Each structure stands twice: as C-alpha cells, then as structure tokens.
Amino acid sequence: MLHGEMLLRIWDVEHGACAMLHHQLNGYAGKLAMIDSGSTNVWSPSTFIKHDLNRSQLDYLFITNADQDHMSDLRGLQREGIYVDTLIRNPSYSGQQMRAIKALSGPLSNDAQWYVGACDSYSFPTDTPFDSNMGGITVTTFCNHYPTFTDTNNLSLVVFVKYSNFKILFPGDLEKAGWQALLQRADFRAELVGTDILVASHHGRESGYCEDIFDYFTPSAVVVSDKPIEHETQQTVPDYRRVVRDQGVRVRTTMKDRHVLTTRRDGWIQFVVDNNNYIIDTEYRG
C-alpha cells in the first residue's frame, strides 16, 4: 500500500503547457517534477519554484514538445539559479538534429537554444530514476522516432503518470499521424487501458484529436490547456465530451460534475491523489 499522496497541478499558461507534481507524506514534500515549462507574461514556473516553493532544484523536467509554448521558461530556470537534475525527452534525436528542425522555422529562441544544448549535455538513464525516487509515483513514456517523423509535434514525448489506481496521460502536441503510429505498438495500446484523465493533445486543436485511442479507454475527464478560442480548430470540446464517462468527475471547488476542464475557464487544475481516490480543485469556479 502506498503512503501519502500525489499533488499534481496543471498550470494556466494559456496556449502552452506546464504541470508540476510531487509526493507528499506527513506534510513533507518530496522531489519535484515538472512536465513542460510554459509561462505567461504574469506567471512563470521558475519564479514559483524559487520564491513560492523555496526550491533551488528541479529534480525531473519532462519536455513533451520542442516548441516554444512548452519551454518558454527554460532560460528563466537558469536565471533563477534552479538546477535541473534530470531531463527526460524524446531520445531519438540529437541536439544538432533538433536544432536543424527548429531552424526551418527561423532563428532559435533562447529557450530553444537551452533545450538543444541540453539534449546533448544530459544523459539518460539517470542515476536517480524517477520511479524509485517519487514516493510511489511512476511514469511510462512513449515516442515516435526521428527520422520516421521530422516535425516537433509528432516527435512529442507521451507521458503516463500513475499513482495508486490513478493514471493521467500527457501527450504533448501529438497529431493524428503520430497517434496512429503509436497505436501500432501493443505496449502503447495496453498502457492506454485504465487512463482516468487525458490532457488534450495540441491544446485541444482538431489536429491532435484521434478517436481511435478511445477504443482502449474511456476517460473520466479531459483537461485542455489553452487560452480563449481564436481558431476553429480549437473547438473540439464537444468531441471530447462525447468520449468521456457519463458521470464525469466532481470538482470540489464547485461541487459540480464536469467532463471537460479548461485552463481558460478554470485556471489551474489540481489533482490530489491518495490510495482510495482523487480530488480535483480549480483556481476559479468555472
């Protein structure tokens, strides 16, 4: 039996991605992991880690997608003096190969420069493996390989986070072709089974929606990390609503049942998971 609880918060970084998680036991917070490093003009993970959490080390950093909206605060981590111990990413490309991919869209941002450099300077597996150091929280990752795919979206790192009987899926910005390629793998299809929460790929855009994955699981809710709708391709909430369990999930903040939660409506979205169940809180009242 696991002891303590997992705290996982999906931050409101508008059309970006950032989530933090750690294990907590008797008020003591264990190692800190972060999935993506998105930020806004008024909030950044580096400032929160340094000044709110009073930490100078980020133990595990997952980069699911090598685009700016998933890594806009990487230089911020460096400026705040936060040491990144372990970087987990799609290992099939080198820093030089990703630099060439990014250069096709123009000059690399400072954050992209940090990332492509880190691809070659960080080694994996790490001396402190995630599954042995997070109080019972485990991860399973999948990815398509370069050069089978040469675009950043379909090279996304897909991350399953599990604690007790709870499982949440972060697919980065995976698009339909990438989903279909991973569905050819029996181990990926098996891992989809039992997923409770899906974070919508590509911020809820139509290009990230793949109906075939729902042959293997029925989520209790879908989370969309986005900002106010600007594109028709963002309007997939009804599609996700149709594949969610009828009862949805109860949000403690409002005591209402929800099927699709969005950062544009709910602000940050937090999951507190113990051995028996999970509780969802939101920043706003939806």
Protein backbone atom coordinates (compact mmCIF):
# COMPACT_ATOMS: atom_id res chain seq x y z
CA MET A 1 0.00 0.00 0.00
CA LEU A 2 1.24 3.47 -0.88
CA HIS A 3 1.52 6.10 1.82
CA GLY A 4 0.90 9.81 1.45
CA GLU A 5 -0.48 11.45 -1.66
CA MET A 6 0.45 12.83 -5.05
CA LEU A 7 -0.14 16.51 -5.73
CA LEU A 8 -0.32 17.34 -9.43
CA ARG A 9 -1.19 20.80 -10.72
CA ILE A 10 -1.75 21.73 -14.35
CA TRP A 11 -0.97 25.42 -14.57
CA ASP A 12 -2.82 28.03 -16.61
CA VAL A 13 -0.18 29.09 -19.11
CA GLU A 14 -2.72 29.92 -21.82
CA HIS A 15 -1.74 28.33 -25.15
CA GLY A 16 1.13 26.49 -23.52
CA ALA A 17 1.88 23.62 -21.16
CA CYS A 18 3.22 23.31 -17.64
CA ALA A 19 2.39 20.85 -14.86
CA MET A 20 4.13 20.17 -11.55
CA LEU A 21 3.91 17.13 -9.31
CA HIS A 22 5.41 15.75 -6.15
CA HIS A 23 4.71 13.20 -3.45
CA GLN A 24 3.71 14.41 -0.01
CA LEU A 25 3.84 12.46 3.27
CA ASN A 26 3.03 13.90 6.68
CA GLY A 27 3.40 17.42 5.34
CA TYR A 28 6.81 16.73 3.80
CA ALA A 29 7.06 17.39 0.07
CA GLY A 30 9.32 15.05 -1.85
CA LYS A 31 11.21 15.55 -5.09
CA LEU A 32 9.70 17.94 -7.62
CA ALA A 33 8.91 17.00 -11.22
CA MET A 34 7.68 19.31 -13.96
CA ILE A 35 6.13 18.43 -17.29
CA ASP A 36 6.95 21.24 -19.74
CA SER A 37 7.99 24.76 -18.91
CA GLY A 38 5.36 27.05 -20.38
CA SER A 39 4.81 30.51 -18.90
CA THR A 40 2.79 33.69 -19.35
CA ASN A 41 3.56 37.39 -19.02
CA VAL A 42 2.39 37.30 -15.39
CA TRP A 43 3.42 33.83 -14.18
CA SER A 44 6.43 31.60 -14.67
CA PRO A 45 7.34 28.22 -13.20
CA SER A 46 10.87 29.40 -12.37
CA THR A 47 9.57 32.22 -10.16
CA PHE A 48 7.08 29.89 -8.48
CA ILE A 49 9.68 27.20 -7.80
CA LYS A 50 12.23 29.69 -6.44
CA HIS A 51 10.05 32.05 -4.44
CA ASP A 52 6.86 30.13 -3.59
CA LEU A 53 8.24 26.63 -3.16
CA ASN A 54 11.63 27.91 -1.95
CA ARG A 55 13.45 25.34 -4.02
CA SER A 56 16.65 25.70 -5.99
CA GLN A 57 16.47 22.30 -7.69
CA LEU A 58 14.02 20.83 -10.17
CA ASP A 59 14.56 17.10 -9.87
CA TYR A 60 12.83 15.95 -13.06
CA LEU A 61 11.98 18.00 -16.14
CA PHE A 62 9.96 16.37 -18.90
CA ILE A 63 9.78 18.20 -22.22
CA THR A 64 6.93 16.70 -24.21
CA ASN A 65 7.20 19.01 -27.20
CA ALA A 66 10.14 21.04 -28.51
CA ASP A 67 8.09 24.14 -29.33
CA GLN A 68 8.24 27.48 -27.55
CA ASP A 69 4.87 27.20 -25.78
CA HIS A 70 6.15 24.10 -23.97
CA MET A 71 9.53 25.53 -22.97
CA SER A 72 9.21 29.31 -22.75
CA ASP A 73 10.73 29.46 -19.24
CA LEU A 74 13.78 27.26 -19.67
CA ARG A 75 16.08 30.28 -19.57
CA GLY A 76 14.04 31.51 -16.61
CA LEU A 77 15.05 28.41 -14.67
CA GLN A 78 18.66 29.25 -15.44
CA ARG A 79 18.24 32.92 -14.45
CA GLU A 80 16.68 31.95 -11.12
CA GLY A 81 19.56 29.61 -10.41
CA ILE A 82 17.37 26.50 -10.44
CA TYR A 83 19.40 23.39 -11.12
CA VAL A 84 17.69 20.84 -13.39
CA ASP A 85 18.89 17.44 -12.25
CA THR A 86 17.29 15.15 -14.85
CA LEU A 87 15.90 15.95 -18.31
CA ILE A 88 13.51 13.42 -19.85
CA ARG A 89 12.65 13.88 -23.54
CA ASN A 90 12.28 12.02 -26.80
CA PRO A 91 15.74 10.40 -27.00
CA SER A 92 15.63 9.54 -30.71
CA TYR A 93 17.09 12.85 -31.93
CA SER A 94 20.28 14.65 -31.03
CA GLY A 95 20.55 18.29 -30.13
CA GLN A 96 22.03 19.01 -33.53
CA GLN A 97 19.14 17.26 -35.30
CA MET A 98 16.55 19.19 -33.27
CA ARG A 99 18.44 22.42 -33.93
CA ALA A 100 18.12 21.74 -37.66
CA ILE A 101 14.38 21.02 -37.31
CA LYS A 102 13.80 24.22 -35.34
CA ALA A 103 15.92 26.31 -37.70
CA LEU A 104 13.49 25.57 -40.52
CA SER A 105 11.04 27.95 -38.77
CA GLY A 106 13.60 30.70 -38.20
CA PRO A 107 16.18 31.64 -35.57
CA LEU A 108 16.02 29.63 -32.36
CA SER A 109 14.71 31.35 -29.23
CA ASN A 110 16.91 31.49 -26.14
CA ASP A 111 14.80 28.73 -24.61
CA ALA A 112 15.19 26.54 -27.70
CA GLN A 113 18.93 27.16 -27.55
CA TRP A 114 18.92 25.90 -23.94
CA TYR A 115 16.95 22.83 -24.95
CA VAL A 116 19.03 21.73 -27.92
CA GLY A 117 22.15 22.18 -25.82
CA ALA A 118 20.61 20.16 -23.00
CA CYS A 119 19.75 17.35 -25.43
CA ASP A 120 23.48 16.67 -25.77
CA SER A 121 24.63 17.51 -22.24
CA TYR A 122 22.07 15.49 -20.25
CA SER A 123 22.39 11.72 -20.29
CA PHE A 124 19.59 9.24 -19.73
CA PRO A 125 19.00 6.95 -17.91
CA THR A 126 19.73 8.97 -14.81
CA ASP A 127 21.47 7.91 -11.62
CA THR A 128 18.26 8.81 -9.74
CA PRO A 129 15.47 7.09 -11.71
CA PHE A 130 12.06 8.68 -11.39
CA ASP A 131 10.15 5.56 -10.37
CA SER A 132 12.49 4.88 -7.43
CA ASN A 133 12.52 8.40 -6.01
CA MET A 134 8.98 9.81 -6.20
CA GLY A 135 7.24 8.08 -3.30
CA GLY A 136 5.39 5.59 -5.47
CA ILE A 137 4.57 7.90 -8.39
CA THR A 138 5.64 6.25 -11.63
CA VAL A 139 5.86 7.28 -15.27
CA THR A 140 5.78 5.42 -18.56
CA THR A 141 6.86 7.23 -21.71
CA PHE A 142 6.45 6.59 -25.44
CA CYS A 143 7.52 8.46 -28.54
CA ASN A 144 7.81 8.21 -32.27
CA HIS A 145 11.34 8.15 -33.60
CA TYR A 146 13.33 10.55 -35.72
CA PRO A 147 13.67 10.43 -38.74
CA THR A 148 10.43 8.46 -39.19
CA PHE A 149 8.89 11.78 -38.13
CA THR A 150 10.70 15.07 -38.58
CA ASP A 151 8.14 17.50 -37.12
CA THR A 152 8.16 18.55 -33.48
CA ASN A 153 4.50 17.68 -32.85
CA ASN A 154 4.69 14.04 -33.87
CA LEU A 155 8.04 13.72 -32.08
CA SER A 156 6.24 14.59 -28.83
CA LEU A 157 7.10 12.60 -25.73
CA VAL A 158 3.93 10.90 -24.46
CA VAL A 159 3.92 10.65 -20.64
CA PHE A 160 1.66 8.48 -18.48
CA VAL A 161 1.80 9.46 -14.79
CA LYS A 162 0.47 6.89 -12.32
CA TYR A 163 -0.12 6.84 -8.58
CA SER A 164 -2.14 4.09 -6.91
CA ASN A 165 -5.13 3.47 -9.21
CA PHE A 166 -4.95 6.89 -10.88
CA LYS A 167 -3.46 7.45 -14.32
CA ILE A 168 -3.19 10.68 -16.34
CA LEU A 169 -1.89 11.00 -19.89
CA PHE A 170 0.15 13.95 -21.19
CA PRO A 171 0.60 13.52 -24.98
CA GLY A 172 2.32 16.80 -25.79
CA ASP A 173 1.23 18.08 -29.20
CA LEU A 174 0.91 14.67 -30.84
CA GLU A 175 -1.13 14.79 -34.05
CA LYS A 176 -3.25 12.12 -35.71
CA ALA A 177 -0.39 10.57 -37.67
CA GLY A 178 1.68 10.29 -34.51
CA TRP A 179 -1.17 8.74 -32.54
CA GLN A 180 -1.75 6.22 -35.32
CA ALA A 181 1.92 5.26 -35.38
CA LEU A 182 2.00 4.65 -31.63
CA LEU A 183 -1.22 2.64 -31.83
CA GLN A 184 0.71 0.09 -33.89
CA ARG A 185 2.54 -0.82 -30.67
CA ALA A 186 0.91 -3.40 -28.40
CA ASP A 187 2.60 -1.95 -25.31
CA PHE A 188 1.20 1.50 -26.05
CA ARG A 189 -2.31 0.15 -26.57
CA ALA A 190 -2.02 -1.74 -23.29
CA GLU A 191 -0.85 1.38 -21.45
CA LEU A 192 -3.86 3.36 -22.65
CA VAL A 193 -6.13 0.97 -20.75
CA GLY A 194 -7.27 2.42 -17.44
CA THR A 195 -6.34 6.04 -18.16
CA ASP A 196 -8.50 8.28 -15.95
CA ILE A 197 -7.60 11.76 -17.21
CA LEU A 198 -6.49 12.80 -20.69
CA VAL A 199 -4.74 16.10 -21.24
CA ALA A 200 -5.90 17.01 -24.74
CA SER A 201 -3.14 16.93 -27.30
CA HIS A 202 -2.16 20.17 -29.06
CA HIS A 203 -4.21 22.30 -26.66
CA GLY A 204 -7.48 20.84 -27.89
CA ARG A 205 -6.91 21.56 -31.56
CA GLU A 206 -8.53 19.25 -34.07
CA SER A 207 -5.13 18.12 -35.37
CA GLY A 208 -4.44 16.46 -32.01
CA TYR A 209 -7.74 14.60 -31.75
CA CYS A 210 -7.60 10.88 -32.54
CA GLU A 211 -10.83 8.99 -31.98
CA ASP A 212 -9.14 5.60 -32.28
CA ILE A 213 -7.41 5.91 -28.89
CA PHE A 214 -10.80 5.73 -27.19
CA ASP A 215 -11.17 2.12 -28.30
CA TYR A 216 -8.83 1.35 -25.38
CA PHE A 217 -10.02 3.62 -22.58
CA THR A 218 -12.85 5.91 -21.56
CA PRO A 219 -11.55 8.92 -19.62
CA SER A 220 -13.40 10.30 -16.63
CA ALA A 221 -12.46 13.80 -17.81
CA VAL A 222 -10.36 15.67 -20.35
CA VAL A 223 -8.20 18.68 -19.49
CA VAL A 224 -7.45 21.32 -22.14
CA SER A 225 -4.56 23.73 -21.57
CA ASP A 226 -5.40 26.73 -23.72
CA LYS A 227 -6.42 30.37 -23.88
CA PRO A 228 -9.65 31.95 -25.23
CA ILE A 229 -10.58 30.33 -28.52
CA GLU A 230 -9.02 32.01 -31.54
CA HIS A 231 -9.16 29.23 -34.10
CA GLU A 232 -11.92 26.93 -35.29
CA THR A 233 -9.51 24.05 -34.87
CA GLN A 234 -9.62 24.64 -31.08
CA GLN A 235 -13.31 23.81 -30.90
CA THR A 236 -13.04 20.13 -30.01
CA VAL A 237 -14.69 20.27 -26.57
CA PRO A 238 -17.88 18.61 -27.88
CA ASP A 239 -15.77 15.83 -29.42
CA TYR A 240 -14.06 15.14 -26.12
CA ARG A 241 -17.33 15.43 -24.22
CA ARG A 242 -18.73 12.54 -26.25
CA VAL A 243 -15.95 10.13 -25.27
CA VAL A 244 -15.90 10.88 -21.52
CA ARG A 245 -17.71 8.75 -18.96
CA ASP A 246 -21.30 9.86 -18.50
CA GLN A 247 -20.81 10.82 -14.85
CA GLY A 248 -17.67 12.87 -15.47
CA VAL A 249 -15.78 13.99 -12.36
CA ARG A 250 -16.79 16.00 -9.31
CA VAL A 251 -14.82 19.22 -8.82
CA ARG A 252 -14.50 20.06 -5.13
CA THR A 253 -14.21 23.80 -5.76
CA THR A 254 -17.74 23.98 -7.14
CA MET A 255 -19.18 20.55 -6.21
CA LYS A 256 -20.27 20.26 -9.84
CA ASP A 257 -19.73 17.34 -12.19
CA ARG A 258 -17.54 18.16 -15.14
CA HIS A 259 -16.46 16.32 -18.28
CA VAL A 260 -14.01 18.76 -19.88
CA LEU A 261 -11.95 21.20 -17.82
CA THR A 262 -10.04 24.05 -19.47
CA THR A 263 -7.43 26.40 -18.09
CA ARG A 264 -9.16 29.30 -19.87
CA ARG A 265 -12.28 28.67 -17.75
CA ASP A 266 -10.92 27.01 -14.61
CA GLY A 267 -7.43 28.47 -14.18
CA TRP A 268 -5.03 25.97 -12.69
CA ILE A 269 -6.40 22.46 -12.17
CA GLN A 270 -5.08 20.37 -9.29
CA PHE A 271 -5.35 16.65 -8.55
CA VAL A 272 -4.74 15.30 -5.04
CA VAL A 273 -4.44 11.52 -5.25
CA ASP A 274 -4.24 9.01 -2.40
CA ASN A 275 -4.74 5.26 -2.14
CA ASN A 276 -8.50 5.48 -2.37
CA ASN A 277 -9.48 8.24 -4.78
CA TYR A 278 -8.55 11.62 -6.22
CA ILE A 279 -9.87 15.11 -5.58
CA ILE A 280 -9.96 17.88 -8.18
CA ASP A 281 -9.67 21.56 -7.27
CA THR A 282 -9.62 24.52 -9.63
CA GLU A 283 -8.34 28.08 -9.32
CA TYR A 284 -11.64 29.58 -10.47
CA ARG A 285 -15.21 28.49 -10.03
CA GLY A 286 -15.64 27.64 -13.73
